[in-house]
Amino acid sequence: MSDTILQIERLADGTVGVNENVIFDSIVVISDSVSYNSATGTITLLQPGRYEFDWWVDTQSSASSNGVGFALVSSQGDLLVGNSPIKTGEVVGVGIFVVNEAPVTVELRNNSTAEVYYPTIVPVKATLVVIGGEGSGGTGPTGPTGATAPFNLW
């Protein structure tokens, strides 16, 4: 069984446009069972399994009419949305994707109605962590049971 571990961060200032991916520019840790393309912002899960995604994006401002939101989307149709009615602060998302047939790609996209500005005064603008591994199947057969002890009320 091979575990998947990925932690990526965005350190650069700038913006992320409508329906564009958050581009993480720093890989903190990565295992063999996952890849990250820093040009496109695409994570590729290379084996079946259950994967927990934890992410946050710090926001300075946006002209978006629906607050600020980001969505984690996969090539198999998964969608994990995090949003905030406040345009300055932080947007957070947590969830689990089950991958039955790999590879599967995952991207964190701006789903607001306008571009979002990252703050300039904090060193880390966004973080995404993936933890997972093989074993997305159901439970196995029940094993043998031992003898039942006598039942006494007193």
Protein backbone atom coordinates (compact mmCIF):
# COMPACT_ATOMS: atom_id res chain seq x y z
CA MET A 1 0.00 0.00 0.00
CA SER A 2 1.39 3.36 -0.99
CA ASP A 3 0.24 6.51 0.80
CA THR A 4 -0.29 9.77 -1.03
CA ILE A 5 0.93 12.97 0.54
CA LEU A 6 0.99 16.38 -1.11
CA GLN A 7 1.33 19.84 0.38
CA ILE A 8 1.56 22.83 -1.94
CA GLU A 9 1.52 26.57 -1.26
CA ARG A 10 1.10 29.82 -3.16
CA LEU A 11 3.62 32.43 -2.09
CA ALA A 12 3.40 34.91 -5.00
CA ASP A 13 1.20 38.00 -5.07
CA GLY A 14 -1.22 38.51 -7.93
CA THR A 15 -4.71 37.52 -8.94
CA VAL A 16 -6.68 34.50 -10.07
CA GLY A 17 -9.23 35.09 -12.83
CA VAL A 18 -12.76 33.76 -13.13
CA ASN A 19 -12.75 29.96 -13.71
CA GLU A 20 -8.93 29.93 -13.58
CA ASN A 21 -6.93 27.56 -11.40
CA VAL A 22 -5.06 28.61 -8.31
CA ILE A 23 -1.40 28.14 -9.22
CA PHE A 24 0.66 26.92 -6.29
CA ASP A 25 4.32 27.86 -6.68
CA SER A 26 5.88 25.93 -3.81
CA ILE A 27 5.86 22.16 -3.24
CA VAL A 28 6.40 21.49 0.47
CA VAL A 29 6.13 17.68 0.26
CA ILE A 30 5.09 15.24 -2.48
CA SER A 31 5.01 11.44 -2.71
CA ASP A 32 5.43 9.18 -5.76
CA SER A 33 1.70 8.45 -6.08
CA VAL A 34 0.71 12.02 -6.97
CA SER A 35 2.02 14.69 -9.34
CA TYR A 36 1.57 18.45 -9.53
CA ASN A 37 1.90 20.64 -12.62
CA SER A 38 2.87 24.14 -11.45
CA ALA A 39 2.22 25.61 -14.91
CA THR A 40 -1.46 24.57 -14.99
CA GLY A 41 -2.32 24.05 -11.31
CA THR A 42 -3.32 20.43 -11.98
CA ILE A 43 -2.90 17.67 -9.39
CA THR A 44 -2.90 14.11 -10.75
CA LEU A 45 -3.80 11.20 -8.45
CA LEU A 46 -1.96 8.20 -9.87
CA GLN A 47 -3.67 5.33 -8.02
CA PRO A 48 -7.13 4.34 -6.79
CA GLY A 49 -8.01 5.19 -3.21
CA ARG A 50 -9.65 7.66 -0.84
CA TYR A 51 -8.15 11.15 -0.75
CA GLU A 52 -8.78 13.89 1.79
CA PHE A 53 -8.35 17.43 0.48
CA ASP A 54 -7.87 20.37 2.82
CA TRP A 55 -7.35 23.81 1.31
CA TRP A 56 -7.61 27.52 2.00
CA VAL A 57 -7.08 30.68 -0.02
CA ASP A 58 -6.39 34.07 1.53
CA THR A 59 -8.19 36.90 -0.30
CA GLN A 60 -7.55 40.64 -0.33
CA SER A 61 -10.45 41.78 -2.52
CA SER A 62 -12.71 41.05 -5.47
CA ALA A 63 -15.45 42.80 -7.42
CA SER A 64 -17.42 39.52 -7.48
CA SER A 65 -21.18 39.82 -7.06
CA ASN A 66 -21.49 36.48 -5.23
CA GLY A 67 -18.77 36.91 -2.60
CA VAL A 68 -15.57 34.96 -3.03
CA GLY A 69 -15.59 31.26 -3.87
CA PHE A 70 -13.29 28.49 -4.97
CA ALA A 71 -14.19 24.98 -6.10
CA LEU A 72 -12.07 21.85 -6.11
CA VAL A 73 -13.06 19.91 -9.25
CA SER A 74 -11.94 16.52 -10.53
CA SER A 75 -11.88 14.88 -13.94
CA GLN A 76 -14.34 12.27 -12.60
CA GLY A 77 -16.95 14.92 -11.74
CA ASP A 78 -16.27 15.58 -8.04
CA LEU A 79 -17.00 19.09 -6.80
CA LEU A 80 -16.04 20.58 -3.43
CA VAL A 81 -17.05 24.23 -3.01
CA GLY A 82 -15.84 26.72 -0.42
CA ASN A 83 -17.19 30.26 -0.43
CA SER A 84 -17.53 33.36 1.69
CA PRO A 85 -19.85 36.36 1.47
CA ILE A 86 -16.92 38.48 2.66
CA LYS A 87 -14.46 39.49 -0.06
CA THR A 88 -11.51 39.95 2.30
CA GLY A 89 -10.32 37.08 4.44
CA GLU A 90 -10.10 33.39 3.84
CA VAL A 91 -12.00 30.74 1.88
CA VAL A 92 -11.72 27.15 3.12
CA GLY A 93 -12.69 23.72 1.80
CA VAL A 94 -12.41 20.16 3.14
CA GLY A 95 -13.65 16.91 1.65
CA ILE A 96 -12.93 13.39 0.46
CA PHE A 97 -12.79 12.12 -3.12
CA VAL A 98 -12.91 8.39 -3.89
CA VAL A 99 -10.92 7.37 -6.97
CA ASN A 100 -11.89 3.98 -8.40
CA GLU A 101 -9.93 4.26 -11.65
CA ALA A 102 -6.74 6.30 -11.81
CA PRO A 103 -5.41 8.61 -12.99
CA VAL A 104 -7.74 11.43 -11.91
CA THR A 105 -6.90 15.13 -12.16
CA VAL A 106 -7.96 17.74 -9.60
CA GLU A 107 -7.86 21.55 -9.81
CA LEU A 108 -8.76 24.38 -7.43
CA ARG A 109 -10.65 27.06 -9.42
CA ASN A 110 -11.96 30.54 -8.77
CA ASN A 111 -15.75 30.17 -9.10
CA SER A 112 -16.49 33.81 -8.23
CA THR A 113 -17.92 36.23 -10.80
CA ALA A 114 -14.72 38.33 -10.90
CA GLU A 115 -10.99 37.92 -10.43
CA VAL A 116 -9.72 37.58 -6.87
CA TYR A 117 -6.70 39.44 -5.53
CA TYR A 118 -4.29 37.69 -3.18
CA PRO A 119 -3.08 39.80 -0.24
CA THR A 120 0.39 41.31 -0.42
CA ILE A 121 1.14 41.50 3.31
CA VAL A 122 1.09 37.79 4.20
CA PRO A 123 3.79 35.34 3.07
CA VAL A 124 1.50 32.39 2.25
CA LYS A 125 -1.52 33.16 0.04
CA ALA A 126 -2.95 29.63 -0.28
CA THR A 127 -2.31 26.06 0.85
CA LEU A 128 -3.63 22.70 -0.36
CA VAL A 129 -2.98 19.35 1.33
CA VAL A 130 -3.87 15.89 -0.01
CA ILE A 131 -3.65 12.80 2.18
CA GLY A 132 -4.78 9.40 0.96
CA GLY A 133 -3.94 5.98 -0.29
CA GLU A 134 -5.11 2.72 -1.70
CA GLY A 135 -8.04 0.82 -0.27
CA SER A 136 -11.19 2.55 -1.43
CA GLY A 137 -13.10 -0.71 -1.55
CA GLY A 138 -15.65 -1.92 0.99
CA THR A 139 -14.99 -4.04 4.01
CA GLY A 140 -13.93 -7.65 3.65
CA PRO A 141 -15.78 -10.76 4.79
CA THR A 142 -16.53 -11.25 8.45
CA GLY A 143 -14.03 -13.49 10.21
CA PRO A 144 -14.79 -16.39 12.55
CA THR A 145 -16.26 -15.62 15.94
CA GLY A 146 -15.54 -17.21 19.28
CA ALA A 147 -17.87 -18.95 21.68
CA THR A 148 -20.57 -16.87 23.37
CA ALA A 149 -20.21 -16.42 27.12
CA PRO A 150 -23.17 -17.29 29.37
CA PHE A 151 -25.46 -14.35 30.13
CA ASN A 152 -26.03 -13.57 33.81
CA LEU A 153 -28.22 -10.77 35.15
CA TRP A 154 -26.69 -11.00 38.68
